[in-house]
Amino acid sequence: SEQVLCFPCGRWLDAHMEDGVTKRALALGKLPDPAKYEITVHTSEDQQNTIQSEGHLVMTLHGSSSSKGPCPLISPATPLQLTRAGMLTFQLDALVALGSLSEIEIGGSQAFKESWHLSHVTARLDSESTSVVFPCQRLLDIDGRKMFSLYPGELKLKQKYRLQFHTSDVERGALQGEASVELRGAKGSTGRVQASSLSGQVGEGKIAEFTLET
């Protein structure tokens, strides 16, 4: 009977990809089960409007032993929708596990031309319980061509402080003119922030609230 031999690789043969090697020695073996990665893209609260696109996101995963991509991240919903403080989960399959994830590149297809605000991306191998976090916290102007590199790190989420202003119930106790506030702590200061929502709008004997993000 005909015998079929398998020589697994799962590596790039390209001078411009991964380690730049174009020839590899392959050992006889069995084709491993595909490594499945769960990719979750988190938009930030700075994303003002819902973005709809007929295009799709594109990602490359880089690990200590191999890379995968660029691969399209196909959304189950069509068109692709990116909402404020939202999240989208995708699955990316690799021939073999990539090792310790060290970098991801994220961008868009030629049909994806919108700018959007990315909070962070998480990537988790299906057989593992913990995810690797890739912080971003910036506006991505993809324009169908650009790829942005993200690296593992600690996600620094914005802190919100809710402040209450109490005016006195006395004559001329109302808040007049422009209002500003500065919070100081052991680790630094917010700097002076204009509380525009309060300026000239708080009467005598009233309570007003203001939210400050750092």
N, C-alpha and C. Protein backbone atom coordinates (compact mmCIF):
# COMPACT_ATOMS: atom_id res chain seq x y z
N SER A 1 0.84 -1.19 0.00
CA SER A 1 0.00 0.00 0.00
C SER A 1 0.88 1.25 0.00
N GLU A 2 0.31 2.34 -0.48
CA GLU A 2 1.04 3.60 -0.56
C GLU A 2 1.22 4.19 0.82
N GLN A 3 2.44 4.59 1.14
CA GLN A 3 2.74 5.18 2.45
C GLN A 3 2.94 6.68 2.30
N VAL A 4 2.29 7.44 3.19
CA VAL A 4 2.40 8.89 3.17
C VAL A 4 3.19 9.31 4.41
N LEU A 5 4.27 10.03 4.21
CA LEU A 5 5.09 10.52 5.31
C LEU A 5 4.84 12.01 5.52
N CYS A 6 4.85 12.41 6.78
CA CYS A 6 4.56 13.81 7.11
C CYS A 6 5.79 14.46 7.74
N PHE A 7 6.16 15.65 7.24
CA PHE A 7 7.27 16.43 7.78
C PHE A 7 6.71 17.80 8.22
N PRO A 8 6.27 17.93 9.44
CA PRO A 8 5.65 19.19 9.90
C PRO A 8 6.66 20.35 9.87
N CYS A 9 6.12 21.53 9.64
CA CYS A 9 6.96 22.73 9.64
C CYS A 9 6.31 23.84 10.48
N GLY A 10 5.29 24.47 9.95
CA GLY A 10 4.61 25.54 10.69
C GLY A 10 5.46 26.79 10.85
N ARG A 11 6.43 27.01 9.97
CA ARG A 11 7.31 28.18 10.03
C ARG A 11 7.32 28.87 8.67
N TRP A 12 7.70 30.15 8.68
CA TRP A 12 7.83 30.89 7.44
C TRP A 12 9.11 30.48 6.69
N LEU A 13 9.04 30.45 5.36
CA LEU A 13 10.20 30.35 4.49
C LEU A 13 10.23 31.64 3.67
N ASP A 14 10.72 32.70 4.30
CA ASP A 14 10.64 34.02 3.70
C ASP A 14 11.70 34.91 4.35
N ALA A 15 12.51 35.55 3.53
CA ALA A 15 13.59 36.39 4.05
C ALA A 15 13.07 37.61 4.80
N HIS A 16 11.79 37.96 4.58
CA HIS A 16 11.23 39.16 5.20
C HIS A 16 10.27 38.83 6.34
N MET A 17 10.12 37.58 6.71
CA MET A 17 9.19 37.19 7.75
C MET A 17 9.93 36.42 8.85
N GLU A 18 9.40 36.53 10.06
CA GLU A 18 9.88 35.76 11.21
C GLU A 18 11.38 35.92 11.38
N ASP A 19 12.17 34.81 11.24
CA ASP A 19 13.62 34.87 11.44
C ASP A 19 14.40 35.01 10.13
N GLY A 20 13.70 35.21 9.02
CA GLY A 20 14.36 35.45 7.73
C GLY A 20 14.94 34.23 7.05
N VAL A 21 14.66 33.04 7.59
CA VAL A 21 15.21 31.81 7.01
C VAL A 21 14.37 31.37 5.81
N THR A 22 15.03 30.96 4.74
CA THR A 22 14.31 30.50 3.54
C THR A 22 14.46 29.00 3.31
N LYS A 23 15.33 28.33 4.09
CA LYS A 23 15.49 26.88 4.00
C LYS A 23 15.46 26.30 5.41
N ARG A 24 14.74 25.22 5.60
CA ARG A 24 14.66 24.59 6.91
C ARG A 24 14.78 23.07 6.75
N ALA A 25 15.41 22.44 7.73
CA ALA A 25 15.45 20.97 7.78
C ALA A 25 14.24 20.49 8.56
N LEU A 26 13.45 19.63 7.97
CA LEU A 26 12.23 19.15 8.59
C LEU A 26 12.41 17.69 9.02
N ALA A 27 11.94 17.39 10.22
CA ALA A 27 12.03 16.02 10.75
C ALA A 27 10.72 15.29 10.52
N LEU A 28 10.84 13.99 10.32
CA LEU A 28 9.66 13.16 10.15
C LEU A 28 8.83 13.18 11.43
N GLY A 29 7.55 13.33 11.29
CA GLY A 29 6.69 13.37 12.47
C GLY A 29 5.23 13.33 12.09
N LYS A 30 4.38 13.68 13.04
CA LYS A 30 2.94 13.70 12.80
C LYS A 30 2.47 15.14 12.75
N LEU A 31 1.48 15.36 11.95
CA LEU A 31 0.89 16.69 11.86
C LEU A 31 0.15 16.98 13.16
N PRO A 32 0.54 18.01 13.90
CA PRO A 32 -0.11 18.28 15.19
C PRO A 32 -1.51 18.84 15.01
N ASP A 33 -2.27 18.78 16.09
CA ASP A 33 -3.59 19.43 16.06
C ASP A 33 -3.40 20.93 15.95
N PRO A 34 -4.26 21.62 15.20
CA PRO A 34 -4.12 23.07 15.06
C PRO A 34 -4.19 23.76 16.43
N ALA A 35 -3.43 24.82 16.57
CA ALA A 35 -3.48 25.64 17.78
C ALA A 35 -4.51 26.74 17.55
N LYS A 36 -5.49 26.82 18.43
CA LYS A 36 -6.57 27.79 18.28
C LYS A 36 -6.35 28.95 19.27
N TYR A 37 -6.36 30.16 18.74
CA TYR A 37 -6.18 31.35 19.56
C TYR A 37 -7.48 32.16 19.59
N GLU A 38 -7.86 32.56 20.78
CA GLU A 38 -9.02 33.45 20.94
C GLU A 38 -8.50 34.88 21.01
N ILE A 39 -8.92 35.69 20.06
CA ILE A 39 -8.49 37.09 19.96
C ILE A 39 -9.68 37.98 20.30
N THR A 40 -9.50 38.87 21.28
CA THR A 40 -10.56 39.80 21.64
C THR A 40 -10.06 41.22 21.49
N VAL A 41 -10.78 41.99 20.69
CA VAL A 41 -10.43 43.38 20.40
C VAL A 41 -11.36 44.27 21.22
N HIS A 42 -10.77 45.14 22.04
CA HIS A 42 -11.53 46.03 22.92
C HIS A 42 -11.40 47.47 22.44
N THR A 43 -12.50 48.09 22.09
CA THR A 43 -12.47 49.52 21.77
C THR A 43 -12.55 50.31 23.08
N SER A 44 -12.12 51.54 23.04
CA SER A 44 -12.05 52.34 24.26
C SER A 44 -13.27 53.24 24.40
N GLU A 45 -13.37 53.88 25.56
CA GLU A 45 -14.46 54.82 25.81
C GLU A 45 -14.27 56.11 25.02
N ASP A 46 -13.07 56.30 24.46
CA ASP A 46 -12.83 57.48 23.63
C ASP A 46 -13.35 57.29 22.21
N GLN A 47 -13.83 56.09 21.90
CA GLN A 47 -14.46 55.85 20.59
C GLN A 47 -15.82 56.52 20.60
N GLN A 48 -15.95 57.61 19.86
CA GLN A 48 -17.15 58.44 19.95
C GLN A 48 -18.34 57.84 19.21
N ASN A 49 -18.14 57.37 18.01
CA ASN A 49 -19.24 56.92 17.16
C ASN A 49 -19.06 55.45 16.78
N THR A 50 -20.19 54.79 16.52
CA THR A 50 -20.14 53.41 16.03
C THR A 50 -19.65 53.42 14.59
N ILE A 51 -18.64 52.60 14.31
CA ILE A 51 -18.07 52.51 12.97
C ILE A 51 -18.57 51.25 12.30
N GLN A 52 -19.05 51.38 11.09
CA GLN A 52 -19.45 50.24 10.29
C GLN A 52 -18.59 50.19 9.04
N SER A 53 -18.10 49.00 8.72
CA SER A 53 -17.21 48.87 7.56
C SER A 53 -17.47 47.55 6.86
N GLU A 54 -17.41 47.58 5.55
CA GLU A 54 -17.50 46.35 4.76
C GLU A 54 -16.17 45.61 4.76
N GLY A 55 -15.12 46.25 5.26
CA GLY A 55 -13.83 45.60 5.35
C GLY A 55 -13.71 44.78 6.63
N HIS A 56 -12.52 44.35 6.94
CA HIS A 56 -12.29 43.55 8.13
C HIS A 56 -10.92 43.86 8.71
N LEU A 57 -10.73 43.50 9.97
CA LEU A 57 -9.44 43.68 10.62
C LEU A 57 -8.48 42.58 10.16
N VAL A 58 -7.19 42.90 10.23
CA VAL A 58 -6.13 41.96 9.85
C VAL A 58 -5.13 41.89 11.00
N MET A 59 -4.64 40.67 11.31
CA MET A 59 -3.72 40.53 12.43
C MET A 59 -2.63 39.51 12.13
N THR A 60 -1.44 39.79 12.67
CA THR A 60 -0.33 38.84 12.68
C THR A 60 0.07 38.61 14.13
N LEU A 61 0.20 37.34 14.51
CA LEU A 61 0.66 36.97 15.85
C LEU A 61 2.12 36.53 15.76
N HIS A 62 2.95 37.06 16.66
CA HIS A 62 4.35 36.66 16.72
C HIS A 62 4.62 35.99 18.07
N GLY A 63 5.24 34.82 18.04
CA GLY A 63 5.59 34.11 19.25
C GLY A 63 7.07 33.79 19.29
N SER A 64 7.49 33.15 20.37
CA SER A 64 8.92 32.83 20.53
C SER A 64 9.39 31.75 19.58
N SER A 65 8.47 30.95 19.02
CA SER A 65 8.88 29.87 18.14
C SER A 65 8.34 29.99 16.72
N SER A 66 7.34 30.82 16.50
CA SER A 66 6.78 30.94 15.16
C SER A 66 5.87 32.16 15.09
N SER A 67 5.37 32.42 13.90
CA SER A 67 4.44 33.53 13.67
C SER A 67 3.27 33.03 12.83
N LYS A 68 2.17 33.76 12.90
CA LYS A 68 1.00 33.42 12.11
C LYS A 68 0.38 34.71 11.58
N GLY A 69 0.26 34.78 10.27
CA GLY A 69 -0.38 35.94 9.67
C GLY A 69 0.46 36.54 8.56
N PRO A 70 -0.05 37.60 7.97
CA PRO A 70 -1.29 38.30 8.33
C PRO A 70 -2.54 37.51 7.97
N CYS A 71 -3.51 37.51 8.89
CA CYS A 71 -4.75 36.76 8.73
C CYS A 71 -5.93 37.69 8.93
N PRO A 72 -6.98 37.54 8.14
CA PRO A 72 -8.18 38.34 8.36
C PRO A 72 -8.91 37.88 9.62
N LEU A 73 -9.42 38.85 10.37
CA LEU A 73 -10.30 38.55 11.51
C LEU A 73 -11.72 38.79 11.02
N ILE A 74 -12.40 37.71 10.71
CA ILE A 74 -13.73 37.81 10.10
C ILE A 74 -14.79 37.93 11.19
N SER A 75 -15.56 39.00 11.13
CA SER A 75 -16.62 39.23 12.10
C SER A 75 -17.85 38.43 11.72
N PRO A 76 -18.53 37.82 12.73
CA PRO A 76 -19.78 37.12 12.42
C PRO A 76 -20.88 38.07 11.97
N ALA A 77 -20.74 39.33 12.36
CA ALA A 77 -21.73 40.34 11.95
C ALA A 77 -21.21 41.08 10.73
N THR A 78 -22.10 41.29 9.75
CA THR A 78 -21.74 42.03 8.55
C THR A 78 -22.72 43.20 8.39
N PRO A 79 -22.24 44.42 8.24
CA PRO A 79 -20.83 44.81 8.20
C PRO A 79 -20.19 44.78 9.59
N LEU A 80 -18.86 44.89 9.60
CA LEU A 80 -18.12 44.96 10.85
C LEU A 80 -18.55 46.21 11.63
N GLN A 81 -18.82 46.04 12.93
CA GLN A 81 -19.23 47.17 13.76
C GLN A 81 -18.29 47.31 14.95
N LEU A 82 -17.76 48.51 15.13
CA LEU A 82 -16.92 48.84 16.28
C LEU A 82 -17.65 49.92 17.08
N THR A 83 -18.05 49.58 18.30
CA THR A 83 -18.82 50.49 19.13
C THR A 83 -17.97 51.02 20.28
N ARG A 84 -18.44 52.07 20.90
CA ARG A 84 -17.75 52.66 22.04
C ARG A 84 -17.69 51.67 23.20
N ALA A 85 -16.48 51.49 23.78
CA ALA A 85 -16.26 50.59 24.91
C ALA A 85 -16.84 49.20 24.62
N GLY A 86 -16.65 48.72 23.40
CA GLY A 86 -17.17 47.41 23.00
C GLY A 86 -16.06 46.39 22.86
N MET A 87 -16.45 45.19 22.49
CA MET A 87 -15.47 44.13 22.29
C MET A 87 -15.96 43.18 21.22
N LEU A 88 -15.01 42.66 20.44
CA LEU A 88 -15.29 41.67 19.41
C LEU A 88 -14.31 40.52 19.59
N THR A 89 -14.82 39.29 19.52
CA THR A 89 -13.98 38.11 19.71
C THR A 89 -13.87 37.33 18.41
N PHE A 90 -12.65 36.93 18.08
CA PHE A 90 -12.38 36.19 16.86
C PHE A 90 -11.56 34.94 17.21
N GLN A 91 -11.52 34.00 16.27
CA GLN A 91 -10.67 32.82 16.43
C GLN A 91 -9.65 32.81 15.31
N LEU A 92 -8.40 32.57 15.69
CA LEU A 92 -7.32 32.49 14.72
C LEU A 92 -6.64 31.14 14.89
N ASP A 93 -6.56 30.35 13.83
CA ASP A 93 -5.98 29.00 13.88
C ASP A 93 -4.56 29.01 13.30
N ALA A 94 -3.65 28.37 14.03
CA ALA A 94 -2.27 28.21 13.56
C ALA A 94 -1.95 26.73 13.47
N LEU A 95 -1.02 26.37 12.59
CA LEU A 95 -0.67 24.97 12.41
C LEU A 95 -0.09 24.39 13.70
N VAL A 96 0.73 25.21 14.39
CA VAL A 96 1.32 24.80 15.67
C VAL A 96 1.23 25.97 16.63
N ALA A 97 1.37 25.70 17.92
CA ALA A 97 1.42 26.76 18.91
C ALA A 97 2.64 27.64 18.65
N LEU A 98 2.48 28.93 18.83
CA LEU A 98 3.51 29.89 18.46
C LEU A 98 4.53 30.15 19.56
N GLY A 99 4.35 29.54 20.72
CA GLY A 99 5.23 29.83 21.85
C GLY A 99 4.74 31.05 22.60
N SER A 100 5.59 31.65 23.40
CA SER A 100 5.22 32.83 24.18
C SER A 100 4.98 34.01 23.24
N LEU A 101 3.78 34.56 23.30
CA LEU A 101 3.45 35.66 22.40
C LEU A 101 4.25 36.90 22.77
N SER A 102 4.87 37.51 21.76
CA SER A 102 5.76 38.65 22.00
C SER A 102 5.32 39.92 21.28
N GLU A 103 4.44 39.79 20.28
CA GLU A 103 4.03 40.96 19.51
C GLU A 103 2.82 40.59 18.67
N ILE A 104 1.94 41.56 18.47
CA ILE A 104 0.89 41.42 17.47
C ILE A 104 0.94 42.64 16.57
N GLU A 105 0.54 42.42 15.33
CA GLU A 105 0.36 43.52 14.39
C GLU A 105 -1.11 43.54 14.01
N ILE A 106 -1.73 44.71 14.08
CA ILE A 106 -3.15 44.82 13.76
C ILE A 106 -3.35 45.95 12.76
N GLY A 107 -4.21 45.70 11.80
CA GLY A 107 -4.51 46.68 10.78
C GLY A 107 -5.85 46.37 10.15
N GLY A 108 -6.02 46.74 8.91
CA GLY A 108 -7.29 46.52 8.24
C GLY A 108 -7.10 46.13 6.79
N SER A 109 -8.14 45.55 6.22
CA SER A 109 -8.12 45.21 4.80
C SER A 109 -8.21 46.49 3.97
N GLN A 110 -8.05 46.36 2.67
CA GLN A 110 -8.11 47.54 1.80
C GLN A 110 -9.46 48.25 1.89
N ALA A 111 -10.51 47.48 2.23
CA ALA A 111 -11.84 48.09 2.32
C ALA A 111 -12.08 48.77 3.67
N PHE A 112 -11.17 48.57 4.61
CA PHE A 112 -11.32 49.18 5.93
C PHE A 112 -10.53 50.49 5.94
N LYS A 113 -11.22 51.62 5.95
CA LYS A 113 -10.55 52.91 5.82
C LYS A 113 -10.91 53.86 6.96
N GLU A 114 -11.53 53.34 8.04
CA GLU A 114 -11.95 54.20 9.13
C GLU A 114 -10.88 54.30 10.22
N SER A 115 -10.89 55.40 10.94
CA SER A 115 -10.07 55.56 12.13
C SER A 115 -10.89 55.15 13.34
N TRP A 116 -10.26 54.47 14.29
CA TRP A 116 -11.00 54.03 15.48
C TRP A 116 -10.05 53.98 16.67
N HIS A 117 -10.61 54.04 17.86
CA HIS A 117 -9.81 54.12 19.08
C HIS A 117 -9.76 52.76 19.76
N LEU A 118 -8.56 52.17 19.80
CA LEU A 118 -8.35 50.83 20.34
C LEU A 118 -7.84 50.91 21.77
N SER A 119 -8.54 50.25 22.69
CA SER A 119 -8.09 50.18 24.08
C SER A 119 -6.98 49.14 24.22
N HIS A 120 -7.30 47.89 23.89
CA HIS A 120 -6.32 46.82 24.01
C HIS A 120 -6.81 45.58 23.29
N VAL A 121 -5.91 44.63 23.11
CA VAL A 121 -6.23 43.34 22.51
C VAL A 121 -5.76 42.26 23.47
N THR A 122 -6.56 41.21 23.61
CA THR A 122 -6.12 40.04 24.39
C THR A 122 -6.05 38.84 23.46
N ALA A 123 -5.08 37.99 23.71
CA ALA A 123 -4.89 36.76 22.92
C ALA A 123 -4.69 35.60 23.87
N ARG A 124 -5.42 34.51 23.62
CA ARG A 124 -5.33 33.35 24.52
C ARG A 124 -5.32 32.07 23.69
N LEU A 125 -4.33 31.21 23.97
CA LEU A 125 -4.32 29.89 23.36
C LEU A 125 -5.45 29.07 23.98
N ASP A 126 -6.18 28.35 23.16
CA ASP A 126 -7.39 27.65 23.61
C ASP A 126 -7.11 26.70 24.77
N SER A 127 -5.92 26.14 24.84
CA SER A 127 -5.59 25.18 25.88
C SER A 127 -5.09 25.85 27.16
N GLU A 128 -4.99 27.17 27.18
CA GLU A 128 -4.51 27.89 28.35
C GLU A 128 -5.62 28.71 28.96
N SER A 129 -5.48 29.02 30.25
CA SER A 129 -6.54 29.73 30.97
C SER A 129 -6.33 31.24 31.03
N THR A 130 -5.10 31.70 30.81
CA THR A 130 -4.83 33.13 30.92
C THR A 130 -4.56 33.73 29.55
N SER A 131 -4.90 35.01 29.42
CA SER A 131 -4.70 35.74 28.17
C SER A 131 -3.50 36.66 28.28
N VAL A 132 -2.90 36.94 27.14
CA VAL A 132 -1.83 37.94 27.06
C VAL A 132 -2.48 39.25 26.65
N VAL A 133 -2.17 40.32 27.39
CA VAL A 133 -2.76 41.63 27.13
C VAL A 133 -1.79 42.49 26.33
N PHE A 134 -2.31 43.10 25.27
CA PHE A 134 -1.53 44.01 24.43
C PHE A 134 -2.17 45.40 24.50
N PRO A 135 -1.68 46.28 25.38
CA PRO A 135 -2.29 47.61 25.52
C PRO A 135 -2.07 48.45 24.26
N CYS A 136 -2.98 49.37 24.03
CA CYS A 136 -2.86 50.29 22.90
C CYS A 136 -3.20 51.72 23.35
N GLN A 137 -4.48 51.96 23.68
CA GLN A 137 -4.95 53.26 24.15
C GLN A 137 -4.58 54.39 23.20
N ARG A 138 -4.90 54.18 21.93
CA ARG A 138 -4.62 55.24 20.96
C ARG A 138 -5.56 55.12 19.77
N LEU A 139 -5.61 56.19 19.01
CA LEU A 139 -6.40 56.22 17.79
C LEU A 139 -5.61 55.56 16.67
N LEU A 140 -6.25 54.61 15.99
CA LEU A 140 -5.61 53.92 14.87
C LEU A 140 -6.19 54.46 13.56
N ASP A 141 -5.35 55.11 12.79
CA ASP A 141 -5.73 55.61 11.47
C ASP A 141 -5.25 54.58 10.46
N ILE A 142 -6.06 53.55 10.24
CA ILE A 142 -5.61 52.39 9.46
C ILE A 142 -5.57 52.68 7.97
N ASP A 143 -6.63 53.23 7.43
CA ASP A 143 -6.69 53.60 6.02
C ASP A 143 -6.36 52.44 5.08
N GLY A 144 -6.73 51.21 5.48
CA GLY A 144 -6.61 50.07 4.58
C GLY A 144 -5.20 49.59 4.30
N ARG A 145 -4.19 50.19 4.92
CA ARG A 145 -2.82 49.81 4.61
C ARG A 145 -1.97 49.61 5.86
N LYS A 146 -2.09 50.49 6.82
CA LYS A 146 -1.16 50.52 7.94
C LYS A 146 -1.37 49.34 8.89
N MET A 147 -0.26 48.84 9.43
CA MET A 147 -0.28 47.84 10.48
C MET A 147 0.41 48.43 11.69
N PHE A 148 -0.19 48.23 12.87
CA PHE A 148 0.34 48.78 14.10
C PHE A 148 0.82 47.64 14.99
N SER A 149 2.02 47.79 15.54
CA SER A 149 2.60 46.76 16.41
C SER A 149 2.23 47.05 17.87
N LEU A 150 1.78 46.02 18.57
CA LEU A 150 1.48 46.11 20.00
C LEU A 150 2.28 45.04 20.72
N TYR A 151 2.63 45.34 21.98
CA TYR A 151 3.47 44.43 22.75
C TYR A 151 2.81 44.12 24.10
N PRO A 152 3.13 42.96 24.68
CA PRO A 152 2.51 42.61 25.97
C PRO A 152 2.85 43.65 27.03
N GLY A 153 1.89 43.90 27.89
CA GLY A 153 2.12 44.86 28.96
C GLY A 153 0.95 44.90 29.91
N GLU A 154 1.05 45.80 30.87
CA GLU A 154 -0.01 45.97 31.87
C GLU A 154 -1.00 46.99 31.38
N LEU A 155 -2.26 46.64 31.43
CA LEU A 155 -3.31 47.54 30.97
C LEU A 155 -3.58 48.59 32.05
N LYS A 156 -3.38 49.84 31.69
CA LYS A 156 -3.62 50.93 32.63
C LYS A 156 -4.94 51.60 32.26
N LEU A 157 -5.98 51.19 32.95
CA LEU A 157 -7.30 51.73 32.68
C LEU A 157 -7.45 53.12 33.30
N LYS A 158 -8.26 53.92 32.68
CA LYS A 158 -8.52 55.25 33.22
C LYS A 158 -9.26 55.16 34.55
N GLN A 159 -8.88 56.04 35.45
CA GLN A 159 -9.56 56.14 36.74
C GLN A 159 -10.58 57.27 36.67
N LYS A 160 -11.76 57.01 37.24
CA LYS A 160 -12.81 58.01 37.26
C LYS A 160 -13.07 58.46 38.69
N TYR A 161 -13.11 59.76 38.89
CA TYR A 161 -13.44 60.34 40.18
C TYR A 161 -14.73 61.14 40.04
N ARG A 162 -15.68 60.86 40.91
CA ARG A 162 -16.93 61.62 40.91
C ARG A 162 -16.88 62.64 42.03
N LEU A 163 -16.93 63.88 41.65
CA LEU A 163 -16.82 64.98 42.61
C LEU A 163 -18.17 65.64 42.79
N GLN A 164 -18.46 66.02 44.03
CA GLN A 164 -19.68 66.75 44.34
C GLN A 164 -19.32 68.15 44.84
N PHE A 165 -19.98 69.14 44.28
CA PHE A 165 -19.78 70.52 44.69
C PHE A 165 -21.04 71.00 45.41
N HIS A 166 -20.86 71.48 46.62
CA HIS A 166 -21.97 71.98 47.44
C HIS A 166 -21.83 73.49 47.58
N THR A 167 -22.76 74.23 47.06
CA THR A 167 -22.72 75.68 47.25
C THR A 167 -23.48 76.04 48.52
N SER A 168 -23.07 77.13 49.14
CA SER A 168 -23.70 77.57 50.39
C SER A 168 -25.05 78.21 50.11
N ASP A 169 -25.96 78.04 51.07
CA ASP A 169 -27.30 78.62 50.94
C ASP A 169 -27.29 80.03 51.54
N VAL A 170 -26.47 80.86 50.96
CA VAL A 170 -26.35 82.25 51.39
C VAL A 170 -26.42 83.14 50.16
N GLU A 171 -26.61 84.39 50.37
CA GLU A 171 -26.67 85.32 49.26
C GLU A 171 -25.33 85.33 48.52
N ARG A 172 -25.40 85.27 47.23
CA ARG A 172 -24.24 85.25 46.34
C ARG A 172 -23.42 83.97 46.53
N GLY A 173 -24.08 82.90 47.02
CA GLY A 173 -23.38 81.63 47.20
C GLY A 173 -23.33 80.77 45.95
N ALA A 174 -23.95 81.23 44.87
CA ALA A 174 -23.95 80.47 43.62
C ALA A 174 -22.58 80.49 42.97
N LEU A 175 -22.30 79.45 42.20
CA LEU A 175 -21.04 79.37 41.48
C LEU A 175 -21.07 80.35 40.33
N GLN A 176 -20.09 81.24 40.30
CA GLN A 176 -20.02 82.25 39.26
C GLN A 176 -18.78 82.03 38.39
N GLY A 177 -18.90 82.31 37.09
CA GLY A 177 -17.75 82.25 36.20
C GLY A 177 -17.27 80.84 35.91
N GLU A 178 -16.00 80.73 35.54
CA GLU A 178 -15.41 79.45 35.16
C GLU A 178 -14.98 78.67 36.39
N ALA A 179 -15.19 77.33 36.37
CA ALA A 179 -14.80 76.46 37.48
C ALA A 179 -13.72 75.50 37.01
N SER A 180 -12.74 75.24 37.85
CA SER A 180 -11.70 74.27 37.54
C SER A 180 -11.35 73.51 38.80
N VAL A 181 -10.74 72.35 38.62
CA VAL A 181 -10.41 71.50 39.76
C VAL A 181 -9.08 70.79 39.50
N GLU A 182 -8.34 70.52 40.56
CA GLU A 182 -7.09 69.76 40.46
C GLU A 182 -7.03 68.78 41.61
N LEU A 183 -6.81 67.50 41.30
CA LEU A 183 -6.67 66.47 42.33
C LEU A 183 -5.20 66.14 42.49
N ARG A 184 -4.75 66.07 43.74
CA ARG A 184 -3.36 65.73 44.03
C ARG A 184 -3.32 64.52 44.94
N GLY A 185 -2.41 63.61 44.65
CA GLY A 185 -2.24 62.40 45.46
C GLY A 185 -0.78 62.06 45.62
N ALA A 186 -0.54 60.94 46.29
CA ALA A 186 0.84 60.53 46.57
C ALA A 186 1.62 60.22 45.29
N LYS A 187 0.91 59.89 44.20
CA LYS A 187 1.58 59.49 42.97
C LYS A 187 1.54 60.57 41.88
N GLY A 188 1.01 61.74 42.21
CA GLY A 188 1.00 62.79 41.21
C GLY A 188 -0.23 63.65 41.26
N SER A 189 -0.43 64.39 40.20
CA SER A 189 -1.52 65.36 40.12
C SER A 189 -2.21 65.24 38.77
N THR A 190 -3.49 65.59 38.75
CA THR A 190 -4.22 65.59 37.48
C THR A 190 -3.94 66.84 36.67
N GLY A 191 -3.34 67.86 37.34
CA GLY A 191 -3.24 69.16 36.69
C GLY A 191 -4.59 69.84 36.77
N ARG A 192 -4.62 71.10 36.46
CA ARG A 192 -5.88 71.84 36.55
C ARG A 192 -6.77 71.51 35.36
N VAL A 193 -7.98 71.06 35.66
CA VAL A 193 -8.95 70.65 34.64
C VAL A 193 -10.16 71.56 34.74
N GLN A 194 -10.57 72.09 33.60
CA GLN A 194 -11.73 72.96 33.58
C GLN A 194 -13.00 72.13 33.69
N ALA A 195 -13.83 72.47 34.69
CA ALA A 195 -15.11 71.79 34.89
C ALA A 195 -16.19 72.57 34.16
N SER A 196 -16.16 72.45 32.84
CA SER A 196 -17.03 73.28 32.01
C SER A 196 -18.51 73.03 32.27
N SER A 197 -18.85 71.80 32.69
CA SER A 197 -20.27 71.50 32.92
C SER A 197 -20.81 72.21 34.15
N LEU A 198 -19.92 72.74 34.99
CA LEU A 198 -20.36 73.41 36.21
C LEU A 198 -20.36 74.92 36.08
N SER A 199 -19.62 75.44 35.14
CA SER A 199 -19.39 76.87 35.07
C SER A 199 -20.69 77.65 34.95
N GLY A 200 -20.92 78.51 35.94
CA GLY A 200 -22.07 79.40 35.92
C GLY A 200 -23.41 78.72 36.00
N GLN A 201 -23.47 77.44 36.44
CA GLN A 201 -24.73 76.71 36.41
C GLN A 201 -25.17 76.19 37.78
N VAL A 202 -24.46 76.54 38.83
CA VAL A 202 -24.80 76.01 40.15
C VAL A 202 -25.33 77.14 41.01
N GLY A 203 -26.61 77.04 41.38
CA GLY A 203 -27.24 78.09 42.17
C GLY A 203 -26.91 77.98 43.65
N GLU A 204 -27.50 78.86 44.44
CA GLU A 204 -27.27 78.88 45.88
C GLU A 204 -27.90 77.65 46.55
N GLY A 205 -27.17 77.05 47.48
CA GLY A 205 -27.68 75.90 48.22
C GLY A 205 -27.93 74.68 47.34
N LYS A 206 -27.11 74.48 46.33
CA LYS A 206 -27.29 73.37 45.40
C LYS A 206 -26.12 72.40 45.46
N ILE A 207 -26.34 71.21 44.89
CA ILE A 207 -25.29 70.20 44.77
C ILE A 207 -25.13 69.85 43.30
N ALA A 208 -23.90 69.90 42.82
CA ALA A 208 -23.63 69.55 41.43
C ALA A 208 -22.53 68.49 41.39
N GLU A 209 -22.59 67.63 40.38
CA GLU A 209 -21.59 66.57 40.24
C GLU A 209 -20.76 66.78 39.00
N PHE A 210 -19.50 66.34 39.10
CA PHE A 210 -18.57 66.44 37.99
C PHE A 210 -17.70 65.20 37.99
N THR A 211 -17.52 64.58 36.82
CA THR A 211 -16.69 63.36 36.71
C THR A 211 -15.35 63.74 36.08
N LEU A 212 -14.29 63.32 36.75
CA LEU A 212 -12.93 63.62 36.29
C LEU A 212 -12.23 62.29 35.99
N GLU A 213 -11.68 62.18 34.78
CA GLU A 213 -10.95 60.98 34.37
C GLU A 213 -9.46 61.26 34.34
N THR A 214 -8.67 60.29 34.79
CA THR A 214 -7.22 60.43 34.74
C THR A 214 -6.62 59.24 34.00
